[in-house]
Amino acid sequence: MPVNHLVLFQFKGEASTESVDKIYADMLSLKDACLRDGTQKPYIKSLTGGKDNSPEGLQDGLQYAFVVEFENEDDRNYYVHEDKAHKAFVANLMPLLVKAVVVDYSF
């Protein structure tokens, strides 16, 4: 069953525009950078995201949203717990964050 991995970021006020832009580009590049051990093939079905532009004012400080789609829970779990490219991305991201929210759902 496919799994969507919804990720929301709020960056620190002192995070530079350049740093945030790099994180944004790096997040989108995970679609091709994340490779399954054994096959060395990309396993993320789709990855979209961008800067918030909602006029509703309900963002609670969250500035960026991404949806990462996986074919199944096994691929999602590999991404979250084992993927080296994802772990490196998270290590670069964490010093810039105030908050991250992650919600997964199947459809």
N, C-alpha and C. Protein backbone atom coordinates (compact mmCIF):
# COMPACT_ATOMS: atom_id res chain seq x y z
N MET A 1 0.84 -1.18 0.00
CA MET A 1 0.00 0.00 0.00
C MET A 1 0.89 1.24 0.00
N PRO A 2 0.67 2.19 -0.91
CA PRO A 2 1.48 3.41 -0.96
C PRO A 2 1.40 4.21 0.35
N VAL A 3 2.49 4.92 0.64
CA VAL A 3 2.57 5.75 1.84
C VAL A 3 3.02 7.14 1.43
N ASN A 4 2.29 8.15 1.89
CA ASN A 4 2.71 9.54 1.72
C ASN A 4 3.32 10.01 3.04
N HIS A 5 4.46 10.65 2.93
CA HIS A 5 5.24 11.14 4.07
C HIS A 5 5.22 12.66 3.97
N LEU A 6 4.40 13.31 4.77
CA LEU A 6 4.24 14.76 4.76
C LEU A 6 5.21 15.37 5.77
N VAL A 7 6.04 16.32 5.30
CA VAL A 7 7.07 16.92 6.13
C VAL A 7 6.91 18.44 6.08
N LEU A 8 6.88 19.07 7.26
CA LEU A 8 6.71 20.52 7.36
C LEU A 8 7.87 21.10 8.18
N PHE A 9 8.44 22.20 7.71
CA PHE A 9 9.59 22.81 8.38
C PHE A 9 9.31 24.25 8.77
N GLN A 10 9.83 24.63 9.95
CA GLN A 10 9.92 26.03 10.36
C GLN A 10 11.40 26.29 10.65
N PHE A 11 11.97 27.26 9.94
CA PHE A 11 13.38 27.58 10.09
C PHE A 11 13.59 28.66 11.14
N LYS A 12 14.78 28.64 11.75
CA LYS A 12 15.16 29.68 12.71
C LYS A 12 15.23 31.02 12.00
N GLY A 13 14.91 32.08 12.73
CA GLY A 13 14.96 33.42 12.15
C GLY A 13 16.33 33.80 11.64
N GLU A 14 17.37 33.28 12.28
CA GLU A 14 18.73 33.62 11.86
C GLU A 14 19.25 32.76 10.71
N ALA A 15 18.46 31.80 10.25
CA ALA A 15 18.86 30.98 9.10
C ALA A 15 18.91 31.87 7.86
N SER A 16 20.02 31.86 7.16
CA SER A 16 20.16 32.72 5.98
C SER A 16 19.29 32.21 4.84
N THR A 17 18.94 33.12 3.95
CA THR A 17 18.17 32.76 2.76
C THR A 17 18.91 31.70 1.96
N GLU A 18 20.22 31.85 1.86
CA GLU A 18 21.04 30.89 1.11
C GLU A 18 20.97 29.50 1.73
N SER A 19 21.03 29.43 3.07
CA SER A 19 20.96 28.14 3.76
C SER A 19 19.60 27.48 3.57
N VAL A 20 18.55 28.26 3.67
CA VAL A 20 17.20 27.73 3.49
C VAL A 20 17.00 27.28 2.04
N ASP A 21 17.48 28.07 1.10
CA ASP A 21 17.37 27.69 -0.32
C ASP A 21 18.12 26.39 -0.59
N LYS A 22 19.27 26.21 0.04
CA LYS A 22 20.04 24.97 -0.14
C LYS A 22 19.30 23.78 0.44
N ILE A 23 18.73 23.94 1.62
CA ILE A 23 17.95 22.86 2.23
C ILE A 23 16.78 22.50 1.33
N TYR A 24 16.10 23.50 0.80
CA TYR A 24 14.97 23.27 -0.11
C TYR A 24 15.42 22.44 -1.32
N ALA A 25 16.50 22.85 -1.95
CA ALA A 25 17.00 22.12 -3.11
C ALA A 25 17.47 20.72 -2.73
N ASP A 26 18.14 20.60 -1.59
CA ASP A 26 18.61 19.29 -1.14
C ASP A 26 17.45 18.34 -0.83
N MET A 27 16.38 18.88 -0.25
CA MET A 27 15.22 18.04 0.04
C MET A 27 14.63 17.50 -1.26
N LEU A 28 14.46 18.35 -2.25
CA LEU A 28 13.90 17.90 -3.51
C LEU A 28 14.82 16.91 -4.22
N SER A 29 16.12 17.05 -4.03
CA SER A 29 17.07 16.16 -4.70
C SER A 29 17.10 14.76 -4.08
N LEU A 30 16.49 14.59 -2.91
CA LEU A 30 16.47 13.26 -2.29
C LEU A 30 15.78 12.22 -3.17
N LYS A 31 14.87 12.66 -4.03
CA LYS A 31 14.18 11.71 -4.91
C LYS A 31 15.18 10.89 -5.73
N ASP A 32 16.24 11.50 -6.18
CA ASP A 32 17.25 10.80 -6.97
C ASP A 32 18.44 10.33 -6.12
N ALA A 33 18.69 11.00 -5.00
CA ALA A 33 19.86 10.68 -4.17
C ALA A 33 19.63 9.47 -3.28
N CYS A 34 18.38 9.20 -2.91
CA CYS A 34 18.09 8.06 -2.03
C CYS A 34 18.04 6.78 -2.85
N LEU A 35 18.98 5.90 -2.57
CA LEU A 35 19.11 4.64 -3.32
C LEU A 35 18.97 3.47 -2.36
N ARG A 36 18.29 2.44 -2.80
CA ARG A 36 18.11 1.23 -2.01
C ARG A 36 19.40 0.42 -2.00
N ASP A 37 19.85 -0.01 -0.82
CA ASP A 37 21.00 -0.92 -0.75
C ASP A 37 20.68 -2.16 -1.56
N GLY A 38 21.67 -2.71 -2.17
CA GLY A 38 21.45 -3.91 -2.98
C GLY A 38 21.22 -3.56 -4.44
N THR A 39 20.19 -2.78 -4.73
CA THR A 39 19.87 -2.44 -6.12
C THR A 39 20.53 -1.15 -6.57
N GLN A 40 20.81 -0.25 -5.62
CA GLN A 40 21.35 1.09 -5.92
C GLN A 40 20.43 1.86 -6.87
N LYS A 41 19.11 1.60 -6.75
CA LYS A 41 18.12 2.30 -7.57
C LYS A 41 17.29 3.23 -6.69
N PRO A 42 16.88 4.38 -7.24
CA PRO A 42 15.99 5.27 -6.49
C PRO A 42 14.68 4.55 -6.17
N TYR A 43 14.13 4.83 -5.00
CA TYR A 43 12.90 4.14 -4.57
C TYR A 43 11.80 5.12 -4.15
N ILE A 44 12.06 6.40 -4.18
CA ILE A 44 11.01 7.38 -3.88
C ILE A 44 10.19 7.57 -5.15
N LYS A 45 8.86 7.31 -5.05
CA LYS A 45 7.98 7.43 -6.23
C LYS A 45 7.86 8.87 -6.69
N SER A 46 7.64 9.78 -5.75
CA SER A 46 7.56 11.20 -6.09
C SER A 46 7.91 12.03 -4.86
N LEU A 47 8.38 13.23 -5.12
CA LEU A 47 8.71 14.15 -4.04
C LEU A 47 8.43 15.56 -4.55
N THR A 48 7.48 16.22 -3.91
CA THR A 48 7.12 17.58 -4.27
C THR A 48 7.15 18.44 -3.01
N GLY A 49 7.27 19.73 -3.20
CA GLY A 49 7.25 20.60 -2.04
C GLY A 49 7.53 22.03 -2.42
N GLY A 50 7.38 22.89 -1.44
CA GLY A 50 7.65 24.30 -1.68
C GLY A 50 7.36 25.15 -0.47
N LYS A 51 7.57 26.44 -0.66
CA LYS A 51 7.35 27.43 0.40
C LYS A 51 5.86 27.70 0.54
N ASP A 52 5.44 27.83 1.77
CA ASP A 52 4.03 28.10 2.06
C ASP A 52 3.57 29.39 1.38
N ASN A 53 2.37 29.34 0.83
CA ASN A 53 1.77 30.56 0.27
C ASN A 53 0.28 30.65 0.60
N SER A 54 -0.12 29.97 1.67
CA SER A 54 -1.53 29.97 2.05
C SER A 54 -1.95 31.32 2.62
N PRO A 55 -3.11 31.84 2.20
CA PRO A 55 -3.61 33.10 2.74
C PRO A 55 -4.39 32.93 4.04
N GLU A 56 -4.54 31.69 4.51
CA GLU A 56 -5.40 31.44 5.67
C GLU A 56 -4.78 31.83 7.01
N GLY A 57 -3.47 31.90 7.08
CA GLY A 57 -2.82 32.29 8.33
C GLY A 57 -2.83 31.21 9.40
N LEU A 58 -2.96 29.96 9.01
CA LEU A 58 -3.03 28.85 9.97
C LEU A 58 -1.74 28.02 10.01
N GLN A 59 -0.64 28.57 9.52
CA GLN A 59 0.60 27.83 9.37
C GLN A 59 1.33 27.60 10.70
N ASP A 60 1.02 28.36 11.71
CA ASP A 60 1.67 28.23 13.02
C ASP A 60 3.19 28.27 12.89
N GLY A 61 3.69 29.12 12.00
CA GLY A 61 5.13 29.30 11.83
C GLY A 61 5.77 28.38 10.81
N LEU A 62 5.06 27.36 10.36
CA LEU A 62 5.62 26.42 9.39
C LEU A 62 5.75 27.12 8.04
N GLN A 63 6.92 26.94 7.40
CA GLN A 63 7.23 27.71 6.21
C GLN A 63 7.33 26.89 4.92
N TYR A 64 7.69 25.62 5.04
CA TYR A 64 7.87 24.75 3.87
C TYR A 64 7.14 23.44 4.09
N ALA A 65 6.61 22.88 3.00
CA ALA A 65 5.91 21.59 3.06
C ALA A 65 6.40 20.71 1.92
N PHE A 66 6.53 19.43 2.22
CA PHE A 66 6.96 18.44 1.23
C PHE A 66 6.12 17.18 1.38
N VAL A 67 5.85 16.53 0.25
CA VAL A 67 5.18 15.23 0.26
C VAL A 67 6.11 14.26 -0.46
N VAL A 68 6.51 13.22 0.27
CA VAL A 68 7.36 12.17 -0.28
C VAL A 68 6.50 10.92 -0.40
N GLU A 69 6.36 10.40 -1.61
CA GLU A 69 5.50 9.23 -1.83
C GLU A 69 6.37 7.98 -2.01
N PHE A 70 6.01 6.95 -1.24
CA PHE A 70 6.69 5.66 -1.29
C PHE A 70 5.71 4.59 -1.77
N GLU A 71 6.23 3.57 -2.41
CA GLU A 71 5.42 2.45 -2.90
C GLU A 71 4.81 1.65 -1.75
N ASN A 72 5.53 1.60 -0.60
CA ASN A 72 5.08 0.77 0.52
C ASN A 72 5.76 1.22 1.82
N GLU A 73 5.32 0.63 2.92
CA GLU A 73 5.87 0.98 4.22
C GLU A 73 7.34 0.59 4.35
N ASP A 74 7.73 -0.50 3.71
CA ASP A 74 9.13 -0.93 3.77
C ASP A 74 10.05 0.14 3.20
N ASP A 75 9.69 0.72 2.06
CA ASP A 75 10.50 1.79 1.47
C ASP A 75 10.51 3.02 2.38
N ARG A 76 9.36 3.37 2.93
CA ARG A 76 9.30 4.52 3.86
C ARG A 76 10.19 4.26 5.07
N ASN A 77 10.11 3.06 5.63
CA ASN A 77 10.90 2.73 6.81
C ASN A 77 12.40 2.75 6.51
N TYR A 78 12.76 2.28 5.32
CA TYR A 78 14.17 2.33 4.92
C TYR A 78 14.63 3.79 4.85
N TYR A 79 13.83 4.63 4.26
CA TYR A 79 14.14 6.07 4.14
C TYR A 79 14.35 6.70 5.52
N VAL A 80 13.43 6.43 6.42
CA VAL A 80 13.47 7.06 7.74
C VAL A 80 14.62 6.53 8.59
N HIS A 81 14.88 5.23 8.54
CA HIS A 81 15.81 4.62 9.48
C HIS A 81 17.19 4.28 8.93
N GLU A 82 17.33 4.11 7.61
CA GLU A 82 18.59 3.57 7.10
C GLU A 82 19.25 4.38 5.98
N ASP A 83 18.51 5.09 5.19
CA ASP A 83 19.08 5.71 4.00
C ASP A 83 20.15 6.74 4.35
N LYS A 84 21.35 6.55 3.79
CA LYS A 84 22.49 7.42 4.10
C LYS A 84 22.29 8.85 3.59
N ALA A 85 21.72 9.00 2.41
CA ALA A 85 21.48 10.34 1.86
C ALA A 85 20.47 11.09 2.72
N HIS A 86 19.44 10.41 3.18
CA HIS A 86 18.44 11.05 4.05
C HIS A 86 19.06 11.43 5.38
N LYS A 87 19.87 10.56 5.96
CA LYS A 87 20.52 10.86 7.24
C LYS A 87 21.44 12.07 7.11
N ALA A 88 22.20 12.15 6.02
CA ALA A 88 23.08 13.31 5.80
C ALA A 88 22.26 14.59 5.65
N PHE A 89 21.14 14.51 4.94
CA PHE A 89 20.25 15.66 4.79
C PHE A 89 19.75 16.13 6.16
N VAL A 90 19.28 15.21 6.97
CA VAL A 90 18.75 15.56 8.30
C VAL A 90 19.84 16.21 9.16
N ALA A 91 21.05 15.69 9.10
CA ALA A 91 22.16 16.27 9.88
C ALA A 91 22.41 17.72 9.48
N ASN A 92 22.31 18.04 8.19
CA ASN A 92 22.49 19.42 7.73
C ASN A 92 21.30 20.31 8.07
N LEU A 93 20.13 19.72 8.13
CA LEU A 93 18.89 20.45 8.37
C LEU A 93 18.71 20.85 9.84
N MET A 94 19.00 19.95 10.74
CA MET A 94 18.64 20.14 12.15
C MET A 94 19.14 21.46 12.76
N PRO A 95 20.36 21.90 12.50
CA PRO A 95 20.80 23.16 13.12
C PRO A 95 20.02 24.39 12.67
N LEU A 96 19.29 24.28 11.58
CA LEU A 96 18.55 25.43 11.04
C LEU A 96 17.09 25.46 11.47
N LEU A 97 16.61 24.40 12.12
CA LEU A 97 15.18 24.26 12.40
C LEU A 97 14.75 24.75 13.77
N VAL A 98 13.57 25.34 13.78
CA VAL A 98 12.83 25.57 15.01
C VAL A 98 11.96 24.34 15.26
N LYS A 99 11.32 23.88 14.18
CA LYS A 99 10.35 22.80 14.31
C LYS A 99 10.21 22.05 13.01
N ALA A 100 9.99 20.74 13.14
CA ALA A 100 9.62 19.90 12.01
C ALA A 100 8.40 19.09 12.43
N VAL A 101 7.48 18.93 11.51
CA VAL A 101 6.29 18.11 11.73
C VAL A 101 6.26 17.07 10.63
N VAL A 102 6.06 15.81 11.01
CA VAL A 102 6.01 14.72 10.03
C VAL A 102 4.74 13.92 10.28
N VAL A 103 3.96 13.72 9.22
CA VAL A 103 2.75 12.91 9.28
C VAL A 103 2.75 11.96 8.08
N ASP A 104 2.55 10.69 8.32
CA ASP A 104 2.48 9.71 7.24
C ASP A 104 1.05 9.20 7.12
N TYR A 105 0.64 8.93 5.89
CA TYR A 105 -0.69 8.36 5.68
C TYR A 105 -0.67 7.48 4.46
N SER A 106 -1.56 6.51 4.46
CA SER A 106 -1.72 5.60 3.32
C SER A 106 -3.05 5.88 2.65
N PHE A 107 -3.15 5.51 1.40
CA PHE A 107 -4.38 5.79 0.65
C PHE A 107 -4.71 4.63 -0.24
